[in-house]
C-alpha atoms as a PDB file:
ATOM      1  CA  MET A   1     115.774  18.781 -47.972  1.00  0.00           C
ATOM      2  CA  LEU A   2     112.837  20.804 -49.325  1.00  0.00           C
ATOM      3  CA  ARG A   3     110.594  19.289 -46.664  1.00  0.00           C
ATOM      4  CA  ALA A   4     113.010  20.487 -43.998  1.00  0.00           C
ATOM      5  CA  LEU A   5     113.290  24.004 -45.393  1.00  0.00           C
ATOM      6  CA  ALA A   6     109.740  24.680 -46.540  1.00  0.00           C
ATOM      7  CA  PRO A   7     107.203  22.331 -44.913  1.00  0.00           C
ATOM      8  CA  ARG A   8     104.458  24.973 -44.702  1.00  0.00           C
ATOM      9  CA  THR A   9     104.768  25.922 -48.367  1.00  0.00           C
ATOM     10  CA  LEU A  10     104.737  22.330 -49.588  1.00  0.00           C
ATOM     11  CA  ALA A  11     101.544  21.661 -47.625  1.00  0.00           C
ATOM     12  CA  GLN A  12      99.889  24.746 -49.143  1.00  0.00           C
ATOM     13  CA  ARG A  13      97.062  24.134 -51.610  1.00  0.00           C
ATOM     14  CA  ALA A  14      97.464  25.034 -55.265  1.00  0.00           C
ATOM     15  CA  GLU A  15      94.478  27.419 -55.167  1.00  0.00           C
ATOM     16  CA  GLU A  16      96.223  29.458 -52.451  1.00  0.00           C
ATOM     17  CA  ALA A  17      99.366  29.836 -54.559  1.00  0.00           C
ATOM     18  CA  MET A  18      97.494  30.958 -57.688  1.00  0.00           C
ATOM     19  CA  ARG A  19      96.675  34.317 -56.083  1.00  0.00           C
ATOM     20  CA  GLY A  20      93.819  35.249 -58.407  1.00  0.00           C
ATOM     21  CA  GLN A  21      95.847  34.960 -61.582  1.00  0.00           C
ATOM     22  CA  VAL A  22      94.143  34.895 -64.976  1.00  0.00           C
ATOM     23  CA  VAL A  23      94.611  31.917 -67.287  1.00  0.00           C
ATOM     24  CA  HIS A  24      95.473  33.166 -70.763  1.00  0.00           C
ATOM     25  CA  SER A  25      94.525  31.138 -73.801  1.00  0.00           C
ATOM     26  CA  ILE A  26      94.890  31.085 -77.559  1.00  0.00           C
ATOM     27  CA  ALA A  27      93.069  29.207 -80.320  1.00  0.00           C
ATOM     28  CA  GLU A  28      94.806  26.231 -81.887  1.00  0.00           C
ATOM     29  CA  SER A  29      94.224  27.791 -85.310  1.00  0.00           C
ATOM     30  CA  ALA A  30      96.068  31.014 -84.398  1.00  0.00           C
ATOM     31  CA  ASP A  31      99.432  31.622 -86.007  1.00  0.00           C
ATOM     32  CA  VAL A  32     102.666  31.565 -84.047  1.00  0.00           C
ATOM     33  CA  LEU A  33     103.377  35.202 -84.911  1.00  0.00           C
ATOM     34  CA  GLY A  34     100.341  36.325 -82.913  1.00  0.00           C
ATOM     35  CA  MET A  35     101.054  33.801 -80.168  1.00  0.00           C
ATOM     36  CA  LEU A  36     104.574  35.129 -79.631  1.00  0.00           C
ATOM     37  CA  ALA A  37     103.344  38.713 -79.519  1.00  0.00           C
ATOM     38  CA  MET A  38     100.757  37.739 -76.892  1.00  0.00           C
ATOM     39  CA  MET A  39     103.263  35.857 -74.723  1.00  0.00           C
ATOM     40  CA  SER A  40     105.706  38.736 -74.961  1.00  0.00           C
ATOM     41  CA  ASP A  41     103.086  41.354 -74.051  1.00  0.00           C
ATOM     42  CA  LEU A  42     101.837  39.256 -71.124  1.00  0.00           C
ATOM     43  CA  ASN A  43     105.397  38.274 -70.109  1.00  0.00           C
ATOM     44  CA  CYS A  44     104.242  34.694 -69.638  1.00  0.00           C
ATOM     45  CA  GLY A  45     105.867  31.399 -70.513  1.00  0.00           C
ATOM     46  CA  SER A  46     102.738  29.428 -71.387  1.00  0.00           C
ATOM     47  CA  LEU A  47      99.247  29.645 -72.865  1.00  0.00           C
ATOM     48  CA  ILE A  48      96.358  27.191 -72.729  1.00  0.00           C
ATOM     49  CA  VAL A  49      95.257  26.182 -76.244  1.00  0.00           C
ATOM     50  CA  SER A  50      91.544  26.002 -77.005  1.00  0.00           C
ATOM     51  CA  GLY A  51      89.897  24.019 -79.764  1.00  0.00           C
ATOM     52  CA  ALA A  52      87.491  25.336 -82.366  1.00  0.00           C
ATOM     53  CA  GLY A  53      84.118  26.134 -80.823  1.00  0.00           C
ATOM     54  CA  THR A  54      84.881  24.474 -77.495  1.00  0.00           C
ATOM     55  CA  ARG A  55      85.917  25.442 -73.990  1.00  0.00           C
ATOM     56  CA  GLU A  56      87.789  22.198 -73.520  1.00  0.00           C
ATOM     57  CA  PRO A  57      91.560  22.707 -73.603  1.00  0.00           C
ATOM     58  CA  VAL A  58      93.233  20.812 -76.425  1.00  0.00           C
ATOM     59  CA  GLY A  59      96.752  21.492 -75.212  1.00  0.00           C
ATOM     60  CA  ILE A  60      99.297  23.929 -73.848  1.00  0.00           C
ATOM     61  CA  VAL A  61     102.034  25.881 -75.589  1.00  0.00           C
ATOM     62  CA  THR A  62     105.134  26.897 -73.642  1.00  0.00           C
ATOM     63  CA  GLU A  63     108.486  28.539 -74.220  1.00  0.00           C
ATOM     64  CA  ARG A  64     110.001  25.040 -74.304  1.00  0.00           C
ATOM     65  CA  ASP A  65     107.678  24.149 -77.216  1.00  0.00           C
ATOM     66  CA  VAL A  66     108.868  27.262 -79.056  1.00  0.00           C
ATOM     67  CA  LEU A  67     112.510  26.301 -78.575  1.00  0.00           C
ATOM     68  CA  ARG A  68     112.130  22.623 -79.436  1.00  0.00           C
ATOM     69  CA  LYS A  69     109.518  22.582 -82.191  1.00  0.00           C
ATOM     70  CA  LEU A  70     109.635  25.887 -84.048  1.00  0.00           C
ATOM     71  CA  GLU A  71     112.031  25.690 -86.963  1.00  0.00           C
ATOM     72  CA  PRO A  72     114.172  28.871 -87.086  1.00  0.00           C
ATOM     73  CA  ALA A  73     113.659  29.219 -90.846  1.00  0.00           C
ATOM     74  CA  ALA A  74     109.860  28.851 -90.715  1.00  0.00           C
ATOM     75  CA  PRO A  75     107.830  32.046 -91.356  1.00  0.00           C
ATOM     76  CA  LEU A  76     106.049  32.658 -88.057  1.00  0.00           C
ATOM     77  CA  GLY A  77     102.834  33.688 -89.769  1.00  0.00           C
ATOM     78  CA  SER A  78     102.529  30.366 -91.577  1.00  0.00           C
ATOM     79  CA  VAL A  79     102.912  28.087 -88.542  1.00  0.00           C
ATOM     80  CA  ARG A  80      99.806  27.416 -86.472  1.00  0.00           C
ATOM     81  CA  VAL A  81      99.787  26.985 -82.706  1.00  0.00           C
ATOM     82  CA  GLU A  82      98.514  23.413 -83.022  1.00  0.00           C
ATOM     83  CA  HIS A  83     101.709  22.483 -84.877  1.00  0.00           C
ATOM     84  CA  ILE A  84     103.980  23.205 -81.896  1.00  0.00           C
ATOM     85  CA  MET A  85     101.714  22.833 -78.848  1.00  0.00           C
ATOM     86  CA  THR A  86     101.861  19.996 -76.333  1.00  0.00           C
ATOM     87  CA  PRO A  87      98.522  18.182 -76.811  1.00  0.00           C
ATOM     88  CA  SER A  88      96.220  17.614 -73.870  1.00  0.00           C
ATOM     89  CA  TYR A  89      96.883  13.867 -73.768  1.00  0.00           C
ATOM     90  CA  CYS A  90     100.542  14.665 -73.011  1.00  0.00           C
ATOM     91  CA  MET A  91      99.700  17.455 -70.560  1.00  0.00           C
ATOM     92  CA  ALA A  92      99.495  16.970 -66.796  1.00  0.00           C
ATOM     93  CA  THR A  93      97.067  18.894 -64.597  1.00  0.00           C
ATOM     94  CA  ALA A  94      96.438  19.213 -60.862  1.00  0.00           C
ATOM     95  CA  ARG A  95      93.280  19.927 -58.899  1.00  0.00           C
ATOM     96  CA  ARG A  96      92.981  23.201 -57.011  1.00  0.00           C
ATOM     97  CA  ASP A  97      92.974  21.305 -53.690  1.00  0.00           C
ATOM     98  CA  SER A  98      96.274  19.545 -54.538  1.00  0.00           C
ATOM     99  CA  THR A  99      99.185  20.487 -52.308  1.00  0.00           C
ATOM    100  CA  LEU A 100     102.255  22.173 -53.755  1.00  0.00           C
ATOM    101  CA  ASP A 101     104.177  19.067 -52.730  1.00  0.00           C
ATOM    102  CA  GLU A 102     101.906  17.028 -55.039  1.00  0.00           C
ATOM    103  CA  CYS A 103     102.232  19.618 -57.799  1.00  0.00           C
ATOM    104  CA  LEU A 104     106.009  19.534 -57.526  1.00  0.00           C
ATOM    105  CA  ALA A 105     106.016  15.734 -57.707  1.00  0.00           C
ATOM    106  CA  THR A 106     103.806  15.775 -60.816  1.00  0.00           C
ATOM    107  CA  MET A 107     106.035  18.327 -62.538  1.00  0.00           C
ATOM    108  CA  HIS A 108     109.192  16.418 -61.635  1.00  0.00           C
ATOM    109  CA  ARG A 109     107.753  13.085 -62.741  1.00  0.00           C
ATOM    110  CA  GLY A 110     106.661  14.335 -66.148  1.00  0.00           C
ATOM    111  CA  GLY A 111     109.403  16.884 -66.742  1.00  0.00           C
ATOM    112  CA  PHE A 112     106.832  19.715 -66.838  1.00  0.00           C
ATOM    113  CA  ARG A 113     107.552  23.327 -65.944  1.00  0.00           C
ATOM    114  CA  HIS A 114     103.967  24.578 -66.217  1.00  0.00           C
ATOM    115  CA  LEU A 115     101.057  22.849 -64.509  1.00  0.00           C
ATOM    116  CA  PRO A 116      97.448  23.883 -65.275  1.00  0.00           C
ATOM    117  CA  ILE A 117      95.168  23.800 -62.231  1.00  0.00           C
ATOM    118  CA  VAL A 118      91.607  22.557 -62.777  1.00  0.00           C
ATOM    119  CA  SER A 119      88.566  22.700 -60.512  1.00  0.00           C
ATOM    120  CA  GLY A 120      86.879  19.585 -61.891  1.00  0.00           C
ATOM    121  CA  ASP A 121      87.884  16.464 -63.728  1.00  0.00           C
ATOM    122  CA  GLU A 122      90.767  16.284 -66.159  1.00  0.00           C
ATOM    123  CA  GLY A 123      89.737  18.004 -69.383  1.00  0.00           C
ATOM    124  CA  SER A 124      87.879  20.848 -67.667  1.00  0.00           C
ATOM    125  CA  TRP A 125      89.008  24.413 -68.321  1.00  0.00           C
ATOM    126  CA  PRO A 126      91.964  25.427 -66.098  1.00  0.00           C
ATOM    127  CA  VAL A 127      91.313  27.986 -63.374  1.00  0.00           C
ATOM    128  CA  GLY A 128      94.987  28.732 -62.808  1.00  0.00           C
ATOM    129  CA  MET A 129      98.541  27.893 -63.736  1.00  0.00           C
ATOM    130  CA  ILE A 130     101.569  27.103 -61.568  1.00  0.00           C
ATOM    131  CA  SER A 131     105.065  27.249 -62.998  1.00  0.00           C
ATOM    132  CA  VAL A 132     108.466  26.207 -61.728  1.00  0.00           C
ATOM    133  CA  ARG A 133     109.169  29.914 -61.150  1.00  0.00           C
ATOM    134  CA  ASP A 134     106.066  30.212 -58.957  1.00  0.00           C
ATOM    135  CA  LEU A 135     107.106  27.209 -56.885  1.00  0.00           C
ATOM    136  CA  SER A 136     110.675  28.477 -56.579  1.00  0.00           C
ATOM    137  CA  ARG A 137     109.447  31.841 -55.309  1.00  0.00           C
ATOM    138  CA  GLU A 138     107.111  30.289 -52.749  1.00  0.00           C
ATOM    139  CA  LEU A 139     109.747  27.854 -51.525  1.00  0.00           C
ATOM    140  CA  ALA A 140     112.456  30.521 -51.307  1.00  0.00           C
ATOM    141  CA  LEU A 141     110.342  32.828 -49.161  1.00  0.00           C
ATOM    142  CA  GLU A 142     109.789  30.208 -46.469  1.00  0.00           C
ATOM    143  CA  SER A 143     113.256  28.637 -46.746  1.00  0.00           C
ATOM    144  CA  VAL A 144     114.950  31.862 -45.684  1.00  0.00           C
ATOM    145  CA  GLU A 145     112.719  32.127 -42.601  1.00  0.00           C
ATOM    146  CA  VAL A 146     113.125  28.472 -41.611  1.00  0.00           C
ATOM    147  CA  ALA A 147     116.894  28.480 -42.069  1.00  0.00           C
ATOM    148  CA  ALA A 148     117.249  31.633 -39.960  1.00  0.00           C
ATOM    149  CA  ARG A 149     115.545  30.155 -36.909  1.00  0.00           C
ATOM    150  CA  ALA A 150     116.615  26.506 -37.300  1.00  0.00           C
ATOM    151  CA  PRO A 151     118.453  25.092 -34.248  1.00  0.00           C
ATOM    152  CA  ALA A 152     121.975  23.777 -34.789  1.00  0.00           C
ATOM    153  CA  GLY A 153     122.016  20.127 -35.798  1.00  0.00           C
ATOM    154  CA  SER A 154     118.499  20.122 -37.214  1.00  0.00           C
ATOM    155  CA  SER A 155     117.703  18.904 -40.718  1.00  0.00           C
ATOM    156  CA  ALA A 156     116.753  22.450 -41.717  1.00  0.00           C
ATOM    157  CA  ALA A 157     120.126  23.741 -40.566  1.00  0.00           C
ATOM    158  CA  ALA A 158     121.888  20.988 -42.501  1.00  0.00           C
ATOM    159  CA  ALA A 159     119.884  21.785 -45.640  1.00  0.00           C
ATOM    160  CA  ALA A 160     120.671  25.479 -45.330  1.00  0.00           C
ATOM    161  CA  LYS A 161     124.407  24.732 -45.349  1.00  0.00           C
ATOM    162  CA  LEU A 162     124.321  22.868 -48.653  1.00  0.00           C
ATOM    163  CA  THR A 163     126.242  24.631 -51.396  1.00  0.00           C
ATOM    164  CA  VAL A 164     124.860  25.342 -54.827  1.00  0.00           C
ATOM    165  CA  ALA A 165     127.630  23.159 -56.275  1.00  0.00           C
ATOM    166  CA  GLU A 166     126.488  20.195 -54.186  1.00  0.00           C
ATOM    167  CA  LEU A 167     122.878  20.645 -55.209  1.00  0.00           C
ATOM    168  CA  SER A 168     123.705  20.999 -58.888  1.00  0.00           C
ATOM    169  CA  ALA A 169     126.319  18.233 -59.087  1.00  0.00           C
ATOM    170  CA  ARG A 170     123.876  15.755 -60.606  1.00  0.00           C
ATOM    171  CA  ARG A 171     122.890  18.251 -63.305  1.00  0.00           C
ATOM    172  CA  ALA A 172     126.411  19.399 -64.103  1.00  0.00           C
ATOM    173  CA  SER A 173     126.491  17.350 -67.297  1.00  0.00           C
ATOM    174  CA  ARG A 174     123.490  19.306 -68.592  1.00  0.00           C
ATOM    175  CA  VAL A 175     125.231  22.698 -68.399  1.00  0.00           C
ATOM    176  CA  HIS A 176     126.634  23.393 -71.836  1.00  0.00           C
ATOM    177  CA  LEU A 177     129.156  26.093 -72.633  1.00  0.00           C
ATOM    178  CA  ALA A 178     128.503  27.490 -76.075  1.00  0.00           C
ATOM    179  CA  GLY A 179     132.055  28.816 -76.252  1.00  0.00           C
ATOM    180  CA  THR A 180     133.774  25.480 -75.666  1.00  0.00           C
ATOM    181  CA  LEU A 181     131.263  22.944 -76.968  1.00  0.00           C
ATOM    182  CA  LYS A 182     132.591  21.348 -80.143  1.00  0.00           C
ATOM    183  CA  ILE A 183     130.064  20.148 -82.693  1.00  0.00           C
ATOM    184  CA  VAL A 184     131.930  20.531 -85.988  1.00  0.00           C
ATOM    185  CA  ALA A 185     134.045  23.427 -84.801  1.00  0.00           C
ATOM    186  CA  GLU A 186     134.181  25.374 -81.575  1.00  0.00           C
ATOM    187  CA  LEU A 187     131.361  27.896 -81.283  1.00  0.00           C
ATOM    188  CA  ALA A 188     132.704  31.426 -81.168  1.00  0.00           C
ATOM    189  CA  PRO A 189     131.305  34.361 -79.150  1.00  0.00           C
ATOM    190  CA  SER A 190     129.853  35.501 -82.468  1.00  0.00           C
ATOM    191  CA  ALA A 191     127.662  32.373 -82.660  1.00  0.00           C
ATOM    192  CA  THR A 192     124.214  33.161 -84.026  1.00  0.00           C
ATOM    193  CA  VAL A 193     120.929  32.685 -82.203  1.00  0.00           C
ATOM    194  CA  SER A 194     120.157  29.820 -84.584  1.00  0.00           C
ATOM    195  CA  GLU A 195     123.369  28.074 -83.522  1.00  0.00           C
ATOM    196  CA  ALA A 196     122.577  28.612 -79.850  1.00  0.00           C
ATOM    197  CA  VAL A 197     119.064  27.189 -80.325  1.00  0.00           C
ATOM    198  CA  ALA A 198     120.480  24.185 -82.205  1.00  0.00           C
ATOM    199  CA  THR A 199     122.874  23.536 -79.315  1.00  0.00           C
ATOM    200  CA  MET A 200     120.098  23.779 -76.722  1.00  0.00           C
ATOM    201  CA  ARG A 201     117.935  21.390 -78.723  1.00  0.00           C
ATOM    202  CA  GLU A 202     120.709  18.883 -79.262  1.00  0.00           C
ATOM    203  CA  ARG A 203     121.824  18.886 -75.638  1.00  0.00           C
ATOM    204  CA  ASN A 204     118.340  19.158 -74.088  1.00  0.00           C
ATOM    205  CA  ALA A 205     119.434  22.266 -72.202  1.00  0.00           C
ATOM    206  CA  GLY A 206     117.362  25.293 -71.259  1.00  0.00           C
ATOM    207  CA  ALA A 207     120.298  27.691 -71.534  1.00  0.00           C
ATOM    208  CA  VAL A 208     123.820  28.078 -72.853  1.00  0.00           C
ATOM    209  CA  LEU A 209     126.708  30.148 -71.538  1.00  0.00           C
ATOM    210  CA  VAL A 210     128.419  32.376 -74.082  1.00  0.00           C
ATOM    211  CA  PRO A 211     131.905  33.923 -73.627  1.00  0.00           C
ATOM    212  CA  THR A 212     132.057  37.688 -74.041  1.00  0.00           C
ATOM    213  CA  ARG A 213     135.819  38.097 -73.616  1.00  0.00           C
ATOM    214  CA  GLY A 214     138.005  35.654 -75.466  1.00  0.00           C
ATOM    215  CA  ALA A 215     137.166  32.647 -77.590  1.00  0.00           C
ATOM    216  CA  SER A 216     136.109  30.330 -74.758  1.00  0.00           C
ATOM    217  CA  ILE A 217     134.740  30.318 -71.229  1.00  0.00           C
ATOM    218  CA  ALA A 218     138.210  29.413 -69.952  1.00  0.00           C
ATOM    219  CA  GLU A 219     139.729  32.470 -71.632  1.00  0.00           C
ATOM    220  CA  SER A 220     136.770  34.666 -70.839  1.00  0.00           C
ATOM    221  CA  ARG A 221     136.933  33.890 -67.102  1.00  0.00           C
ATOM    222  CA  LEU A 222     134.127  35.978 -65.582  1.00  0.00           C
ATOM    223  CA  GLY A 223     133.233  37.585 -68.869  1.00  0.00           C
ATOM    224  CA  PHE A 224     130.347  35.445 -70.065  1.00  0.00           C
ATOM    225  CA  GLY A 225     126.628  35.704 -70.500  1.00  0.00           C
ATOM    226  CA  ILE A 226     123.721  33.279 -70.559  1.00  0.00           C
ATOM    227  CA  PHE A 227     121.156  32.767 -73.307  1.00  0.00           C
ATOM    228  CA  THR A 228     117.938  31.089 -72.162  1.00  0.00           C
ATOM    229  CA  GLU A 229     114.645  29.848 -73.592  1.00  0.00           C
ATOM    230  CA  ARG A 230     112.944  32.954 -72.228  1.00  0.00           C
ATOM    231  CA  ASP A 231     115.481  35.165 -74.055  1.00  0.00           C
ATOM    232  CA  TYR A 232     114.628  33.363 -77.284  1.00  0.00           C
ATOM    233  CA  LEU A 233     110.906  33.782 -76.652  1.00  0.00           C
ATOM    234  CA  ARG A 234     111.329  37.506 -75.962  1.00  0.00           C
ATOM    235  CA  LEU A 235     113.415  37.946 -79.102  1.00  0.00           C
ATOM    236  CA  LEU A 236     110.782  36.296 -81.283  1.00  0.00           C
ATOM    237  CA  GLY A 237     108.088  38.215 -79.411  1.00  0.00           C
ATOM    238  CA  SER A 238     109.803  41.497 -80.256  1.00  0.00           C
ATOM    239  CA  PHE A 239     109.740  40.592 -83.940  1.00  0.00           C
ATOM    240  CA  ALA A 240     106.109  39.556 -83.643  1.00  0.00           C
ATOM    241  CA  ARG A 241     105.062  42.849 -82.020  1.00  0.00           C
ATOM    242  CA  LEU A 242     106.726  44.689 -84.887  1.00  0.00           C
ATOM    243  CA  GLY A 243     104.881  42.492 -87.369  1.00  0.00           C
ATOM    244  CA  VAL A 244     108.110  41.011 -88.708  1.00  0.00           C
ATOM    245  CA  ASP A 245     107.401  37.534 -90.104  1.00  0.00           C
ATOM    246  CA  VAL A 246     110.877  36.058 -89.677  1.00  0.00           C
END
């Protein structure tokens, strides 16, 4: 369906989608407190990690690493970036002449949401970064145009008529409602951030829905919010900017 809705975008080269962005990096020996402050200030979801005295990347650290590997009780100033990063041997990259279709396939195959773009062989310093958000934006821009001018009966027209429910049906089991999910007891709207993070880790989910009116999503009806990995990163980043070693 993506090929019907956004063929031009998928054929686009990675270097064209990078749009002159700067690749931000941090040393593996840096502490997580400083890392979180940097990510919050830059409003970015990933940083390339450099080794001591080398320009060769030794890994990448992302908001998913923060959620999955950073223990809530650990003092942020005592944890080093290397302790939570994804090492380079587990990190996928793409060349700058790769198409976005190839980038998307690589990200889907490895379960990656950030893909460093390199100009040379694997192990060379990245010249750019493409995220799932970047791809979504590029695809959405063309999809609207294609769907608007697609003739009736075409594959693009059929794709444009798909509902969100149909597209998300296969992932429905990965949407977890913090207000109705029972672990030991039902999580209340007053559930702490630590409890929300524990739920996201346990269920391999990037977000949880939280009721704001009533004790459950069913009671809350439309009164619910969503807590995501990026929210958690921003929260920790706020503490880091204030110098609070939580």
